Amino acid sequence: MPIAAGFQCAGCGEWNETVVDESAGRRQEYVEDCQVCCKPNILGIRWDGEGFAIHAELES
């Protein structure tokens, strides 16, 4: 089930909305462009069954 979430762009620092799909596994990684500056962010998502954390870094 998809869950609405947010991440802070590693390039411009603006907050972005995204969706996390808990059925995709406990550890996920994918690229999502910032909705403000358009820079690609690599999102690392860690799901512990109760909640999740999102880490963003710029794609090189």
PDB file of N, CA and C in Angstrom:
ATOM      1  N   MET A   1       0.840  -1.178   0.000  1.00  0.00           N
ATOM      2  CA  MET A   1       0.000   0.000   0.000  1.00  0.00           C
ATOM      3  C   MET A   1       0.887   1.244   0.000  1.00  0.00           C
ATOM      4  N   PRO A   2       0.736   2.126  -0.966  1.00  0.00           N
ATOM      5  CA  PRO A   2       1.531   3.351  -1.025  1.00  0.00           C
ATOM      6  C   PRO A   2       1.199   4.310   0.123  1.00  0.00           C
ATOM      7  N   ILE A   3       2.265   4.940   0.646  1.00  0.00           N
ATOM      8  CA  ILE A   3       2.124   5.882   1.759  1.00  0.00           C
ATOM      9  C   ILE A   3       2.741   7.209   1.332  1.00  0.00           C
ATOM     10  N   ALA A   4       2.021   8.316   1.513  1.00  0.00           N
ATOM     11  CA  ALA A   4       2.544   9.639   1.200  1.00  0.00           C
ATOM     12  C   ALA A   4       3.693   9.963   2.147  1.00  0.00           C
ATOM     13  N   ALA A   5       4.758  10.550   1.588  1.00  0.00           N
ATOM     14  CA  ALA A   5       5.941  10.879   2.379  1.00  0.00           C
ATOM     15  C   ALA A   5       6.590  12.119   1.785  1.00  0.00           C
ATOM     16  N   GLY A   6       7.671  12.546   2.384  1.00  0.00           N
ATOM     17  CA  GLY A   6       8.402  13.697   1.881  1.00  0.00           C
ATOM     18  C   GLY A   6       9.896  13.499   2.051  1.00  0.00           C
ATOM     19  N   PHE A   7      10.665  14.230   1.236  1.00  0.00           N
ATOM     20  CA  PHE A   7      12.118  14.224   1.370  1.00  0.00           C
ATOM     21  C   PHE A   7      12.633  15.621   1.059  1.00  0.00           C
ATOM     22  N   GLN A   8      13.777  15.950   1.631  1.00  0.00           N
ATOM     23  CA  GLN A   8      14.407  17.238   1.387  1.00  0.00           C
ATOM     24  C   GLN A   8      15.439  17.068   0.284  1.00  0.00           C
ATOM     25  N   CYS A   9      15.334  17.865  -0.774  1.00  0.00           N
ATOM     26  CA  CYS A   9      16.247  17.781  -1.905  1.00  0.00           C
ATOM     27  C   CYS A   9      17.676  18.012  -1.427  1.00  0.00           C
ATOM     28  N   ALA A  10      18.583  17.146  -1.862  1.00  0.00           N
ATOM     29  CA  ALA A  10      19.988  17.274  -1.495  1.00  0.00           C
ATOM     30  C   ALA A  10      20.664  18.419  -2.253  1.00  0.00           C
ATOM     31  N   GLY A  11      20.010  18.945  -3.273  1.00  0.00           N
ATOM     32  CA  GLY A  11      20.575  20.040  -4.055  1.00  0.00           C
ATOM     33  C   GLY A  11      20.145  21.411  -3.567  1.00  0.00           C
ATOM     34  N   CYS A  12      18.841  21.637  -3.529  1.00  0.00           N
ATOM     35  CA  CYS A  12      18.339  22.973  -3.180  1.00  0.00           C
ATOM     36  C   CYS A  12      17.749  23.057  -1.779  1.00  0.00           C
ATOM     37  N   GLY A  13      17.523  21.924  -1.127  1.00  0.00           N
ATOM     38  CA  GLY A  13      17.008  21.932   0.238  1.00  0.00           C
ATOM     39  C   GLY A  13      15.499  22.029   0.366  1.00  0.00           C
ATOM     40  N   GLU A  14      14.799  22.112  -0.753  1.00  0.00           N
ATOM     41  CA  GLU A  14      13.335  22.211  -0.708  1.00  0.00           C
ATOM     42  C   GLU A  14      12.716  20.849  -0.403  1.00  0.00           C
ATOM     43  N   TRP A  15      11.577  20.872   0.272  1.00  0.00           N
ATOM     44  CA  TRP A  15      10.851  19.638   0.580  1.00  0.00           C
ATOM     45  C   TRP A  15      10.022  19.213  -0.623  1.00  0.00           C
ATOM     46  N   ASN A  16       9.995  17.925  -0.888  1.00  0.00           N
ATOM     47  CA  ASN A  16       9.272  17.327  -2.002  1.00  0.00           C
ATOM     48  C   ASN A  16       8.335  16.248  -1.487  1.00  0.00           C
ATOM     49  N   GLU A  17       7.234  16.069  -2.180  1.00  0.00           N
ATOM     50  CA  GLU A  17       6.306  14.989  -1.850  1.00  0.00           C
ATOM     51  C   GLU A  17       6.652  13.770  -2.694  1.00  0.00           C
ATOM     52  N   THR A  18       6.529  12.603  -2.093  1.00  0.00           N
ATOM     53  CA  THR A  18       6.755  11.353  -2.799  1.00  0.00           C
ATOM     54  C   THR A  18       5.833  10.299  -2.210  1.00  0.00           C
ATOM     55  N   VAL A  19       5.915   9.095  -2.707  1.00  0.00           N
ATOM     56  CA  VAL A  19       5.107   7.985  -2.218  1.00  0.00           C
ATOM     57  C   VAL A  19       6.036   6.808  -1.942  1.00  0.00           C
ATOM     58  N   VAL A  20       5.879   6.179  -0.793  1.00  0.00           N
ATOM     59  CA  VAL A  20       6.655   4.997  -0.429  1.00  0.00           C
ATOM     60  C   VAL A  20       5.728   3.792  -0.478  1.00  0.00           C
ATOM     61  N   ASP A  21       6.164   2.734  -1.171  1.00  0.00           N
ATOM     62  CA  ASP A  21       5.377   1.511  -1.276  1.00  0.00           C
ATOM     63  C   ASP A  21       5.989   0.472  -0.345  1.00  0.00           C
ATOM     64  N   GLU A  22       5.366   0.258   0.801  1.00  0.00           N
ATOM     65  CA  GLU A  22       5.912  -0.663   1.794  1.00  0.00           C
ATOM     66  C   GLU A  22       6.022  -2.094   1.283  1.00  0.00           C
ATOM     67  N   SER A  23       5.244  -2.461   0.277  1.00  0.00           N
ATOM     68  CA  SER A  23       5.300  -3.827  -0.253  1.00  0.00           C
ATOM     69  C   SER A  23       6.540  -4.061  -1.117  1.00  0.00           C
ATOM     70  N   ALA A  24       7.308  -3.007  -1.420  1.00  0.00           N
ATOM     71  CA  ALA A  24       8.511  -3.136  -2.249  1.00  0.00           C
ATOM     72  C   ALA A  24       9.728  -3.575  -1.445  1.00  0.00           C
ATOM     73  N   GLY A  25       9.567  -3.795  -0.155  1.00  0.00           N
ATOM     74  CA  GLY A  25      10.669  -4.305   0.651  1.00  0.00           C
ATOM     75  C   GLY A  25      11.153  -3.326   1.705  1.00  0.00           C
ATOM     76  N   ARG A  26      11.958  -3.843   2.627  1.00  0.00           N
ATOM     77  CA  ARG A  26      12.461  -3.041   3.747  1.00  0.00           C
ATOM     78  C   ARG A  26      13.508  -2.028   3.331  1.00  0.00           C
ATOM     79  N   ARG A  27      14.258  -2.335   2.275  1.00  0.00           N
ATOM     80  CA  ARG A  27      15.276  -1.413   1.772  1.00  0.00           C
ATOM     81  C   ARG A  27      14.995  -1.155   0.300  1.00  0.00           C
ATOM     82  N   GLN A  28      14.839   0.114  -0.018  1.00  0.00           N
ATOM     83  CA  GLN A  28      14.549   0.502  -1.391  1.00  0.00           C
ATOM     84  C   GLN A  28      15.484   1.637  -1.786  1.00  0.00           C
ATOM     85  N   GLU A  29      15.768   1.727  -3.069  1.00  0.00           N
ATOM     86  CA  GLU A  29      16.554   2.838  -3.575  1.00  0.00           C
ATOM     87  C   GLU A  29      16.079   3.144  -4.984  1.00  0.00           C
ATOM     88  N   TYR A  30      15.804   4.403  -5.238  1.00  0.00           N
ATOM     89  CA  TYR A  30      15.411   4.822  -6.575  1.00  0.00           C
ATOM     90  C   TYR A  30      15.709   6.301  -6.743  1.00  0.00           C
ATOM     91  N   VAL A  31      15.668   6.776  -7.982  1.00  0.00           N
ATOM     92  CA  VAL A  31      15.960   8.164  -8.304  1.00  0.00           C
ATOM     93  C   VAL A  31      14.653   8.903  -8.531  1.00  0.00           C
ATOM     94  N   GLU A  32      14.556  10.076  -7.916  1.00  0.00           N
ATOM     95  CA  GLU A  32      13.389  10.933  -8.122  1.00  0.00           C
ATOM     96  C   GLU A  32      13.883  12.369  -8.275  1.00  0.00           C
ATOM     97  N   ASP A  33      13.409  13.052  -9.317  1.00  0.00           N
ATOM     98  CA  ASP A  33      13.803  14.440  -9.545  1.00  0.00           C
ATOM     99  C   ASP A  33      13.114  15.372  -8.565  1.00  0.00           C
ATOM    100  N   CYS A  34      13.861  16.407  -8.135  1.00  0.00           N
ATOM    101  CA  CYS A  34      13.285  17.428  -7.264  1.00  0.00           C
ATOM    102  C   CYS A  34      12.184  18.165  -8.022  1.00  0.00           C
ATOM    103  N   GLN A  35      11.093  18.430  -7.359  1.00  0.00           N
ATOM    104  CA  GLN A  35       9.957  19.116  -7.976  1.00  0.00           C
ATOM    105  C   GLN A  35      10.212  20.614  -8.124  1.00  0.00           C
ATOM    106  N   VAL A  36      11.288  21.121  -7.490  1.00  0.00           N
ATOM    107  CA  VAL A  36      11.607  22.546  -7.547  1.00  0.00           C
ATOM    108  C   VAL A  36      12.777  22.815  -8.497  1.00  0.00           C
ATOM    109  N   CYS A  37      13.939  22.170  -8.263  1.00  0.00           N
ATOM    110  CA  CYS A  37      15.133  22.462  -9.059  1.00  0.00           C
ATOM    111  C   CYS A  37      15.407  21.418 -10.139  1.00  0.00           C
ATOM    112  N   CYS A  38      14.653  20.335 -10.157  1.00  0.00           N
ATOM    113  CA  CYS A  38      14.741  19.268 -11.163  1.00  0.00           C
ATOM    114  C   CYS A  38      16.002  18.411 -11.074  1.00  0.00           C
ATOM    115  N   LYS A  39      16.832  18.574 -10.029  1.00  0.00           N
ATOM    116  CA  LYS A  39      18.025  17.743  -9.890  1.00  0.00           C
ATOM    117  C   LYS A  39      17.611  16.347  -9.438  1.00  0.00           C
ATOM    118  N   PRO A  40      18.280  15.304  -9.984  1.00  0.00           N
ATOM    119  CA  PRO A  40      17.941  13.933  -9.597  1.00  0.00           C
ATOM    120  C   PRO A  40      18.489  13.586  -8.206  1.00  0.00           C
ATOM    121  N   ASN A  41      17.627  13.102  -7.337  1.00  0.00           N
ATOM    122  CA  ASN A  41      17.988  12.672  -5.994  1.00  0.00           C
ATOM    123  C   ASN A  41      17.888  11.157  -5.912  1.00  0.00           C
ATOM    124  N   ILE A  42      18.916  10.531  -5.365  1.00  0.00           N
ATOM    125  CA  ILE A  42      18.849   9.101  -5.074  1.00  0.00           C
ATOM    126  C   ILE A  42      18.215   8.977  -3.703  1.00  0.00           C
ATOM    127  N   LEU A  43      17.058   8.348  -3.635  1.00  0.00           N
ATOM    128  CA  LEU A  43      16.354   8.176  -2.365  1.00  0.00           C
ATOM    129  C   LEU A  43      16.648   6.790  -1.811  1.00  0.00           C
ATOM    130  N   GLY A  44      17.180   6.754  -0.609  1.00  0.00           N
ATOM    131  CA  GLY A  44      17.393   5.506   0.104  1.00  0.00           C
ATOM    132  C   GLY A  44      16.319   5.394   1.167  1.00  0.00           C
ATOM    133  N   ILE A  45      15.485   4.376   1.086  1.00  0.00           N
ATOM    134  CA  ILE A  45      14.355   4.216   1.993  1.00  0.00           C
ATOM    135  C   ILE A  45      14.564   2.972   2.836  1.00  0.00           C
ATOM    136  N   ARG A  46      14.445   3.128   4.122  1.00  0.00           N
ATOM    137  CA  ARG A  46      14.573   2.013   5.070  1.00  0.00           C
ATOM    138  C   ARG A  46      13.254   1.878   5.811  1.00  0.00           C
ATOM    139  N   TRP A  47      12.638   0.715   5.691  1.00  0.00           N
ATOM    140  CA  TRP A  47      11.322   0.431   6.271  1.00  0.00           C
ATOM    141  C   TRP A  47      11.509  -0.569   7.400  1.00  0.00           C
ATOM    142  N   ASP A  48      11.016  -0.272   8.611  1.00  0.00           N
ATOM    143  CA  ASP A  48      11.190  -1.202   9.734  1.00  0.00           C
ATOM    144  C   ASP A  48       9.895  -1.901  10.135  1.00  0.00           C
ATOM    145  N   GLY A  49       8.861  -1.795   9.311  1.00  0.00           N
ATOM    146  CA  GLY A  49       7.584  -2.442   9.609  1.00  0.00           C
ATOM    147  C   GLY A  49       6.614  -1.524  10.326  1.00  0.00           C
ATOM    148  N   GLU A  50       7.136  -0.516  10.998  1.00  0.00           N
ATOM    149  CA  GLU A  50       6.284   0.445  11.701  1.00  0.00           C
ATOM    150  C   GLU A  50       6.396   1.839  11.111  1.00  0.00           C
ATOM    151  N   GLY A  51       7.522   2.121  10.517  1.00  0.00           N
ATOM    152  CA  GLY A  51       7.765   3.434   9.936  1.00  0.00           C
ATOM    153  C   GLY A  51       8.949   3.351   8.994  1.00  0.00           C
ATOM    154  N   PHE A  52       9.317   4.478   8.414  1.00  0.00           N
ATOM    155  CA  PHE A  52      10.414   4.474   7.463  1.00  0.00           C
ATOM    156  C   PHE A  52      11.212   5.762   7.574  1.00  0.00           C
ATOM    157  N   ALA A  53      12.422   5.732   7.028  1.00  0.00           N
ATOM    158  CA  ALA A  53      13.279   6.900   6.944  1.00  0.00           C
ATOM    159  C   ALA A  53      13.717   7.047   5.489  1.00  0.00           C
ATOM    160  N   ILE A  54      13.802   8.275   5.023  1.00  0.00           N
ATOM    161  CA  ILE A  54      14.237   8.551   3.653  1.00  0.00           C
ATOM    162  C   ILE A  54      15.505   9.401   3.705  1.00  0.00           C
ATOM    163  N   HIS A  55      16.528   8.952   3.001  1.00  0.00           N
ATOM    164  CA  HIS A  55      17.774   9.709   2.874  1.00  0.00           C
ATOM    165  C   HIS A  55      17.936  10.064   1.403  1.00  0.00           C
ATOM    166  N   ALA A  56      18.198  11.349   1.126  1.00  0.00           N
ATOM    167  CA  ALA A  56      18.372  11.796  -0.256  1.00  0.00           C
ATOM    168  C   ALA A  56      19.795  12.290  -0.484  1.00  0.00           C
ATOM    169  N   GLU A  57      20.357  11.909  -1.631  1.00  0.00           N
ATOM    170  CA  GLU A  57      21.655  12.456  -2.048  1.00  0.00           C
ATOM    171  C   GLU A  57      21.596  12.683  -3.543  1.00  0.00           C
ATOM    172  N   LEU A  58      22.366  13.662  -4.032  1.00  0.00           N
ATOM    173  CA  LEU A  58      22.339  13.952  -5.448  1.00  0.00           C
ATOM    174  C   LEU A  58      22.967  12.832  -6.256  1.00  0.00           C
ATOM    175  N   GLU A  59      22.362  12.567  -7.405  1.00  0.00           N
ATOM    176  CA  GLU A  59      22.923  11.575  -8.316  1.00  0.00           C
ATOM    177  C   GLU A  59      24.123  12.222  -9.002  1.00  0.00           C
ATOM    178  N   SER A  60      25.217  11.486  -9.090  1.00  0.00           N
ATOM    179  CA  SER A  60      26.419  12.073  -9.709  1.00  0.00           C
ATOM    180  C   SER A  60      26.526  11.772 -11.177  1.00  0.00           C
TER     181      SER A  60
END
